């Protein structure tokens, strides 16, 4: 198979980037998208050119590092698929493919196809954890959990933090990511003591990072490689309203003491 690739090249965060075209030949239909980029980088290295910088790690759809916009779609056109799980058989032989990084103010480009997603880390650091000491490990059957609640929590916990929801959203909102991280803790008994301070802290940090507001476009759930739905956003908004009544914010933007 043969492809024409239009790839975003940007030397560093302060440089002005642009698209550059490359030809790749003898691509197996069974190559993953990242293997195709690996082969291109081998060719560029042999030609004395700078390889294209892109993120990858597990290459098994687990880590979320392979964050690329492919023909204008986050992770490509295949539903519930990460870039590393996208195969060249999904493209027509001889087609042109445009590859670029996530586009969001909160995800500045570092180099070529790599963006800085540390904003997600700071949202998690703001409250995406359980700090209340629960003592010795309890018996698994000691705290009954309704099956539907457990399923919802597991669905939310599948979020890999790739950022496709942000890249696909017209407003570059991180509501789906934040909602998933809030929900998988807030739904379970272990997360209840900090449920409402958590949602306030994480939403506030999300806003500080410069992500856009949610307008219910629904593109985030369509782009999510784990199929996480926007119902979690509704749940987070309900929790946030409840939290703001229970833990009002003072004039300095701090949560008032209980």
Protein backbone atom coordinates (compact mmCIF):
# COMPACT_ATOMS: atom_id res chain seq x y z
CA UNK A 1 0.00 0.00 0.00
CA UNK A 2 1.06 3.55 -0.69
CA UNK A 3 0.01 6.73 1.09
CA UNK A 4 0.59 10.48 0.96
CA UNK A 5 0.93 11.87 4.48
CA UNK A 6 0.40 15.53 5.35
CA UNK A 7 1.98 15.83 8.79
CA UNK A 8 2.19 18.81 11.14
CA UNK A 9 5.82 19.71 11.86
CA UNK A 10 6.76 22.14 14.62
CA UNK A 11 10.29 22.34 15.97
CA UNK A 12 9.32 23.50 19.47
CA UNK A 13 6.58 25.19 21.46
CA UNK A 14 7.59 28.66 20.30
CA UNK A 15 8.19 27.88 16.64
CA UNK A 16 5.63 28.40 13.90
CA UNK A 17 4.49 25.03 12.61
CA UNK A 18 3.13 23.87 9.30
CA UNK A 19 2.24 20.81 7.27
CA UNK A 20 4.83 18.86 5.35
CA UNK A 21 4.02 16.07 2.88
CA UNK A 22 5.66 12.65 2.74
CA UNK A 23 5.24 9.56 0.58
CA UNK A 24 5.32 6.09 2.12
CA UNK A 25 5.39 2.89 0.06
CA UNK A 26 5.25 -0.84 0.74
CA UNK A 27 2.97 -0.43 3.74
CA UNK A 28 1.36 -3.67 4.86
CA UNK A 29 -2.39 -3.58 5.43
CA UNK A 30 -1.69 -5.24 8.79
CA UNK A 31 0.56 -2.39 9.97
CA UNK A 32 -0.84 -0.32 12.79
CA UNK A 33 -0.91 3.44 12.22
CA UNK A 34 2.05 3.91 14.57
CA UNK A 35 4.05 1.19 12.81
CA UNK A 36 3.50 3.10 9.59
CA UNK A 37 4.90 6.23 11.27
CA UNK A 38 7.82 4.17 12.60
CA UNK A 39 8.66 3.11 9.06
CA UNK A 40 8.47 6.71 7.87
CA UNK A 41 10.82 7.78 10.66
CA UNK A 42 13.30 5.07 9.65
CA UNK A 43 13.25 6.45 6.12
CA UNK A 44 13.74 10.01 7.36
CA UNK A 45 16.65 8.94 9.57
CA UNK A 46 18.38 7.18 6.67
CA UNK A 47 17.91 10.34 4.58
CA UNK A 48 19.51 12.48 7.30
CA UNK A 49 16.23 14.24 8.16
CA UNK A 50 14.73 14.80 11.60
CA UNK A 51 12.22 12.07 12.53
CA UNK A 52 8.66 13.04 13.38
CA UNK A 53 8.04 13.30 17.10
CA UNK A 54 4.92 11.54 18.38
CA UNK A 55 3.87 9.91 21.64
CA UNK A 56 3.43 6.18 22.22
CA UNK A 57 3.94 3.70 25.01
CA UNK A 58 1.86 0.55 25.48
CA UNK A 59 0.55 0.33 21.89
CA UNK A 60 -2.30 -1.77 23.24
CA UNK A 61 -4.99 0.88 23.69
CA UNK A 62 -4.30 1.16 27.41
CA UNK A 63 -2.14 4.23 28.09
CA UNK A 64 -3.73 6.87 25.82
CA UNK A 65 -0.39 8.32 24.72
CA UNK A 66 -1.01 7.86 20.97
CA UNK A 67 -3.03 11.04 20.66
CA UNK A 68 -3.32 12.10 17.01
CA UNK A 69 -5.89 13.90 14.89
CA UNK A 70 -6.22 11.81 11.73
CA UNK A 71 -8.14 13.38 8.87
CA UNK A 72 -9.76 15.72 11.36
CA UNK A 73 -10.90 13.00 13.76
CA UNK A 74 -9.40 12.17 17.13
CA UNK A 75 -7.68 8.75 16.88
CA UNK A 76 -9.09 8.35 13.37
CA UNK A 77 -12.44 7.25 11.98
CA UNK A 78 -12.84 3.93 13.82
CA UNK A 79 -15.18 4.05 16.81
CA UNK A 80 -13.78 3.24 20.27
CA UNK A 81 -10.26 2.83 18.89
CA UNK A 82 -6.98 4.45 19.87
CA UNK A 83 -4.43 5.42 17.23
CA UNK A 84 -2.24 2.43 18.04
CA UNK A 85 -5.23 0.13 17.42
CA UNK A 86 -5.95 1.71 14.03
CA UNK A 87 -4.68 -0.39 11.12
CA UNK A 88 -3.74 0.66 7.62
CA UNK A 89 -6.36 -1.70 6.19
CA UNK A 90 -8.86 0.92 7.35
CA UNK A 91 -7.53 3.28 4.65
CA UNK A 92 -7.80 3.00 0.90
CA UNK A 93 -4.58 2.32 -0.99
CA UNK A 94 -3.17 5.55 -2.42
CA UNK A 95 -5.20 7.82 -0.13
CA UNK A 96 -3.98 11.05 1.45
CA UNK A 97 -3.91 11.24 5.24
CA UNK A 98 -3.66 14.43 7.29
CA UNK A 99 -2.04 14.00 10.72
CA UNK A 100 -1.88 16.72 13.35
CA UNK A 101 -1.71 17.11 17.14
CA UNK A 102 -4.59 17.80 19.51
CA UNK A 103 -5.81 21.37 19.08
CA UNK A 104 -6.61 23.02 22.42
CA UNK A 105 -5.31 26.01 24.34
CA UNK A 106 -4.81 23.83 27.40
CA UNK A 107 -2.79 21.31 25.33
CA UNK A 108 0.08 23.39 23.89
CA UNK A 109 2.21 21.72 21.21
CA UNK A 110 5.65 20.69 22.45
CA UNK A 111 7.00 19.40 19.17
CA UNK A 112 5.46 18.04 15.96
CA UNK A 113 2.60 15.76 17.08
CA UNK A 114 3.31 15.88 20.83
CA UNK A 115 1.24 18.10 23.12
CA UNK A 116 1.58 18.93 26.81
CA UNK A 117 -1.32 17.20 28.59
CA UNK A 118 -0.12 17.94 32.12
CA UNK A 119 -3.33 19.95 32.63
CA UNK A 120 -5.04 16.59 33.13
CA UNK A 121 -2.50 15.70 35.80
CA UNK A 122 -3.23 18.91 37.69
CA UNK A 123 -6.97 18.22 37.59
CA UNK A 124 -6.31 14.82 39.15
CA UNK A 125 -3.98 16.33 41.74
CA UNK A 126 -6.74 18.75 42.75
CA UNK A 127 -9.01 15.97 43.98
CA UNK A 128 -8.90 12.78 41.97
CA UNK A 129 -7.97 10.56 44.88
CA UNK A 130 -9.22 9.20 48.21
CA UNK A 131 -7.29 10.48 51.21
CA UNK A 132 -9.60 9.33 54.01
CA UNK A 133 -7.98 6.42 55.84
CA UNK A 134 -10.31 3.44 55.70
CA UNK A 135 -8.35 1.21 58.07
CA UNK A 136 -7.51 -2.39 57.34
CA UNK A 137 -8.70 -3.90 54.08
CA UNK A 138 -12.34 -4.88 54.55
CA UNK A 139 -13.93 -8.07 53.33
CA UNK A 140 -15.14 -7.54 49.72
CA UNK A 141 -18.66 -8.56 50.72
CA UNK A 142 -18.80 -6.32 53.78
CA UNK A 143 -19.96 -3.29 51.77
CA UNK A 144 -22.75 -4.23 49.35
CA UNK A 145 -22.82 -2.18 46.13
CA UNK A 146 -25.72 -2.25 43.71
CA UNK A 147 -24.67 -3.94 40.45
CA UNK A 148 -25.76 -1.00 38.29
CA UNK A 149 -23.75 1.44 40.42
CA UNK A 150 -20.69 -0.80 40.23
CA UNK A 151 -21.06 -0.99 36.45
CA UNK A 152 -21.29 2.80 36.15
CA UNK A 153 -18.17 3.24 38.28
CA UNK A 154 -16.27 0.73 36.16
CA UNK A 155 -17.42 2.43 32.96
CA UNK A 156 -16.11 5.78 34.24
CA UNK A 157 -12.85 4.21 35.43
CA UNK A 158 -12.03 3.02 31.90
CA UNK A 159 -11.00 6.61 30.99
CA UNK A 160 -7.35 6.54 29.88
CA UNK A 161 -6.87 10.32 29.86
CA UNK A 162 -5.87 10.50 26.20
CA UNK A 163 -7.56 13.86 25.61
CA UNK A 164 -9.58 12.84 22.55
CA UNK A 165 -12.68 14.35 24.18
CA UNK A 166 -10.94 17.72 24.36
CA UNK A 167 -9.61 17.49 20.82
CA UNK A 168 -13.03 16.59 19.40
CA UNK A 169 -15.01 19.22 21.33
CA UNK A 170 -15.68 22.47 19.42
CA UNK A 171 -14.96 24.34 22.68
CA UNK A 172 -12.02 22.15 23.75
CA UNK A 173 -13.87 21.24 26.92
CA UNK A 174 -12.51 18.72 29.41
CA UNK A 175 -15.90 18.03 30.99
CA UNK A 176 -16.07 14.38 29.94
CA UNK A 177 -12.60 13.61 31.29
CA UNK A 178 -13.25 15.42 34.58
CA UNK A 179 -16.71 13.90 34.95
CA UNK A 180 -15.36 10.38 34.46
CA UNK A 181 -12.65 10.91 37.06
CA UNK A 182 -15.14 12.42 39.51
CA UNK A 183 -17.71 9.67 38.93
CA UNK A 184 -15.58 6.58 39.34
CA UNK A 185 -14.68 7.75 42.85
CA UNK A 186 -17.94 9.45 43.80
CA UNK A 187 -20.14 6.49 42.94
CA UNK A 188 -18.44 4.05 45.31
CA UNK A 189 -18.68 4.01 49.13
CA UNK A 190 -14.96 4.68 49.57
CA UNK A 191 -15.30 8.00 47.74
CA UNK A 192 -18.31 9.34 49.62
CA UNK A 193 -16.54 11.25 52.46
CA UNK A 194 -14.81 13.58 49.96
CA UNK A 195 -17.43 13.44 47.20
CA UNK A 196 -18.52 17.07 47.23
CA UNK A 197 -15.24 18.86 48.04
CA UNK A 198 -13.69 16.68 45.30
CA UNK A 199 -16.05 17.82 42.56
CA UNK A 200 -15.59 21.49 43.49
CA UNK A 201 -11.79 21.21 43.49
CA UNK A 202 -11.54 19.31 40.22
CA UNK A 203 -13.99 21.54 38.33
CA UNK A 204 -12.22 24.66 39.60
CA UNK A 205 -8.86 23.31 38.43
CA UNK A 206 -10.33 22.38 35.06
CA UNK A 207 -11.49 25.98 34.62
CA UNK A 208 -8.12 27.36 35.69
CA UNK A 209 -6.39 25.28 33.02
CA UNK A 210 -8.25 27.14 30.27
CA UNK A 211 -10.49 24.40 28.92
CA UNK A 212 -13.66 25.57 27.21
CA UNK A 213 -17.22 25.25 28.45
CA UNK A 214 -19.41 22.28 27.60
CA UNK A 215 -22.18 22.99 25.07
CA UNK A 216 -23.55 19.43 24.84
CA UNK A 217 -22.28 18.92 21.31
CA UNK A 218 -21.69 15.25 22.12
CA UNK A 219 -18.52 14.99 20.02
CA UNK A 220 -16.56 13.99 23.12
CA UNK A 221 -18.41 10.70 23.61
CA UNK A 222 -18.16 9.91 19.90
CA UNK A 223 -14.38 10.36 19.98
CA UNK A 224 -13.76 8.58 23.29
CA UNK A 225 -11.84 5.35 22.61
CA UNK A 226 -13.47 3.78 25.66
CA UNK A 227 -17.04 4.78 24.80
CA UNK A 228 -17.62 6.89 27.92
CA UNK A 229 -20.96 8.70 27.64
CA UNK A 230 -21.94 12.28 28.42
CA UNK A 231 -24.39 11.09 31.10
CA UNK A 232 -21.42 11.38 33.46
CA UNK A 233 -21.29 15.12 32.73
CA UNK A 234 -24.90 15.46 33.86
CA UNK A 235 -24.08 13.54 37.01
CA UNK A 236 -21.08 15.77 37.73
CA UNK A 237 -23.19 18.89 37.25
CA UNK A 238 -25.74 17.57 39.74
CA UNK A 239 -23.00 16.82 42.25
CA UNK A 240 -21.50 20.27 41.70
CA UNK A 241 -24.80 22.05 42.35
CA UNK A 242 -25.31 20.02 45.50
CA UNK A 243 -21.74 20.67 46.60
CA UNK A 244 -21.98 24.43 46.15
CA UNK A 245 -25.03 24.52 48.43
CA UNK A 246 -23.34 22.32 51.00
CA UNK A 247 -19.88 23.88 50.71
CA UNK A 248 -20.40 27.52 49.60
CA UNK A 249 -17.54 29.48 48.08
CA UNK A 250 -16.34 32.67 49.78
CA UNK A 251 -15.29 35.89 48.01
CA UNK A 252 -11.72 34.63 47.60
CA UNK A 253 -12.96 31.58 45.73
CA UNK A 254 -12.21 29.25 48.63
CA UNK A 255 -14.53 26.62 50.05
CA UNK A 256 -15.91 27.86 53.35
CA UNK A 257 -15.23 25.78 56.42
CA UNK A 258 -18.07 23.51 57.46
